[in-house]
Protein backbone atom coordinates (compact mmCIF):
# COMPACT_ATOMS: atom_id res chain seq x y z
CA MET A 1 65.20 163.78 13.38
CA ASP A 2 67.99 165.32 15.41
CA LYS A 3 71.13 164.21 16.09
CA PHE A 4 71.95 161.70 18.49
CA GLU A 5 75.54 162.32 20.87
CA ARG A 6 77.16 161.62 24.18
CA GLU A 7 79.99 163.21 25.58
CA ILE A 8 82.82 161.04 26.99
CA ILE A 9 85.69 162.36 28.57
CA PRO A 10 88.31 160.48 31.10
CA PHE A 11 88.64 160.90 34.92
CA GLU A 12 91.37 161.96 35.83
CA ASN A 13 94.11 160.46 34.15
CA HIS A 14 93.42 156.26 34.32
CA PHE A 15 92.03 155.89 30.93
CA TRP A 16 95.65 157.90 29.43
CA ASP A 17 97.95 156.43 31.24
CA PHE A 18 96.85 153.14 29.70
CA TYR A 19 95.87 154.34 26.39
CA ASN A 20 99.05 155.91 25.96
CA LYS A 21 100.78 153.02 26.53
CA LEU A 22 98.78 150.89 23.46
CA ASP A 23 100.24 150.20 20.04
CA GLN A 24 98.83 152.81 17.30
CA LYS A 25 96.42 149.71 15.45
CA VAL A 26 94.64 149.62 19.26
CA GLN A 27 94.33 153.07 19.46
CA ASP A 28 93.01 153.63 16.91
CA LYS A 29 90.30 150.56 17.59
CA PHE A 30 90.25 152.76 20.29
CA ASP A 31 89.30 155.83 18.67
CA TRP A 32 87.11 154.33 16.81
CA THR A 33 84.73 152.55 19.03
CA ILE A 34 84.55 155.80 21.43
CA SER A 35 83.49 157.52 18.47
CA LEU A 36 80.69 154.88 17.75
CA ILE A 37 79.68 154.94 21.43
CA GLU A 38 79.16 158.66 21.01
CA ARG A 39 77.24 159.03 18.03
CA THR A 40 74.98 155.24 18.62
CA ASN A 41 72.04 155.15 20.63
CA ILE A 42 72.11 151.61 20.92
CA VAL A 43 75.43 150.59 20.53
CA PRO A 44 75.95 146.89 19.90
CA LYS A 45 77.48 144.46 22.94
CA GLN A 46 80.61 143.58 21.23
CA TYR A 47 81.58 147.24 21.60
CA PHE A 48 80.16 148.33 24.32
CA ASP A 49 78.03 146.12 27.70
CA HIS A 50 77.31 147.14 31.35
CA MET A 51 79.03 144.77 33.56
CA THR A 52 76.57 142.44 35.33
CA GLY A 53 76.99 142.97 39.33
CA THR A 54 78.28 146.21 39.01
CA ASP A 55 76.80 149.55 40.40
CA GLY A 56 76.17 151.22 36.60
CA LEU A 57 79.63 150.28 34.90
CA TRP A 58 79.84 149.96 31.78
CA GLU A 59 82.99 148.52 29.93
CA ILE A 60 84.05 149.72 26.34
CA ARG A 61 85.57 146.39 24.41
CA VAL A 62 88.53 146.58 21.96
CA LYS A 63 89.71 142.98 19.85
CA THR A 64 92.15 143.52 17.23
CA GLY A 65 93.44 139.94 15.99
CA SER A 66 93.57 137.63 19.34
CA ASN A 67 94.40 140.45 21.81
CA ILE A 68 91.00 141.60 24.41
CA PHE A 69 90.70 145.34 25.24
CA ARG A 70 89.10 147.08 28.12
CA VAL A 71 87.87 150.50 29.42
CA PHE A 72 85.57 150.74 31.92
CA CYS A 73 83.25 153.37 32.47
CA PHE A 74 80.24 154.42 33.90
CA PHE A 75 76.96 157.51 33.05
CA ASP A 76 76.10 160.61 35.00
CA LYS A 77 73.81 163.51 34.36
CA GLY A 78 71.85 161.57 30.54
CA ASN A 79 74.32 160.93 28.01
CA LEU A 80 77.80 161.92 29.99
CA ILE A 81 80.12 158.97 30.21
CA LEU A 82 83.17 159.45 32.16
CA LEU A 83 86.17 157.20 31.14
CA LEU A 84 88.14 155.36 34.17
CA ASN A 85 90.95 152.01 34.10
CA GLY A 86 91.83 150.20 31.18
CA PHE A 87 93.25 146.68 31.08
CA GLN A 88 94.39 143.91 28.42
CA LYS A 89 92.10 141.15 28.57
CA LYS A 90 93.99 137.60 28.94
CA THR A 91 91.34 135.33 30.81
CA GLN A 92 87.68 134.80 30.16
CA LYS A 93 87.13 136.27 33.62
CA THR A 94 87.13 139.99 34.06
CA PRO A 95 90.23 140.79 36.50
CA LYS A 96 88.42 141.18 40.25
CA ASN A 97 91.15 143.72 41.34
CA GLU A 98 90.02 145.75 37.52
CA ILE A 99 86.57 146.38 38.93
CA LYS A 100 87.45 147.25 42.32
CA LYS A 101 90.05 150.47 40.79
CA ALA A 102 86.75 151.15 38.53
CA GLN A 103 84.35 151.45 41.54
CA ALA A 104 86.69 153.40 43.50
CA LEU A 105 87.71 155.59 41.22
CA LYS A 106 83.82 156.29 40.18
CA LYS A 107 83.30 156.79 44.38
CA LYS A 108 86.38 159.18 44.25
CA TYR A 109 84.00 160.93 41.33
CA TYR A 110 81.02 161.50 43.09
CA GLU A 111 82.43 162.05 46.19
CA ASN A 112 84.55 164.90 44.84
CA LYS A 113 82.00 165.95 42.38
């Protein structure tokens, strides 16, 4: 059986700007989760899920203790995933400004491709 693999790369520096401000424990959890998404064909929704009501946005989900973090991303050309902006989730609802930012970044990616 062929080994399943996705390629995950950040678009511009938005992901790194977010990631580099996180505690080491949260960074380690993101590293583990991204590695899981790279290697697993069907990823459990608790780690990776499509954003309802968006045009192809997905979110990578990380939880450490009571803290919840999200990074938006999208697919391009099959198994290529581009990482966008990240944020700490403080309420049940995902902040609209974070969704708008991710949609604008996705649009910019395709315009400059």
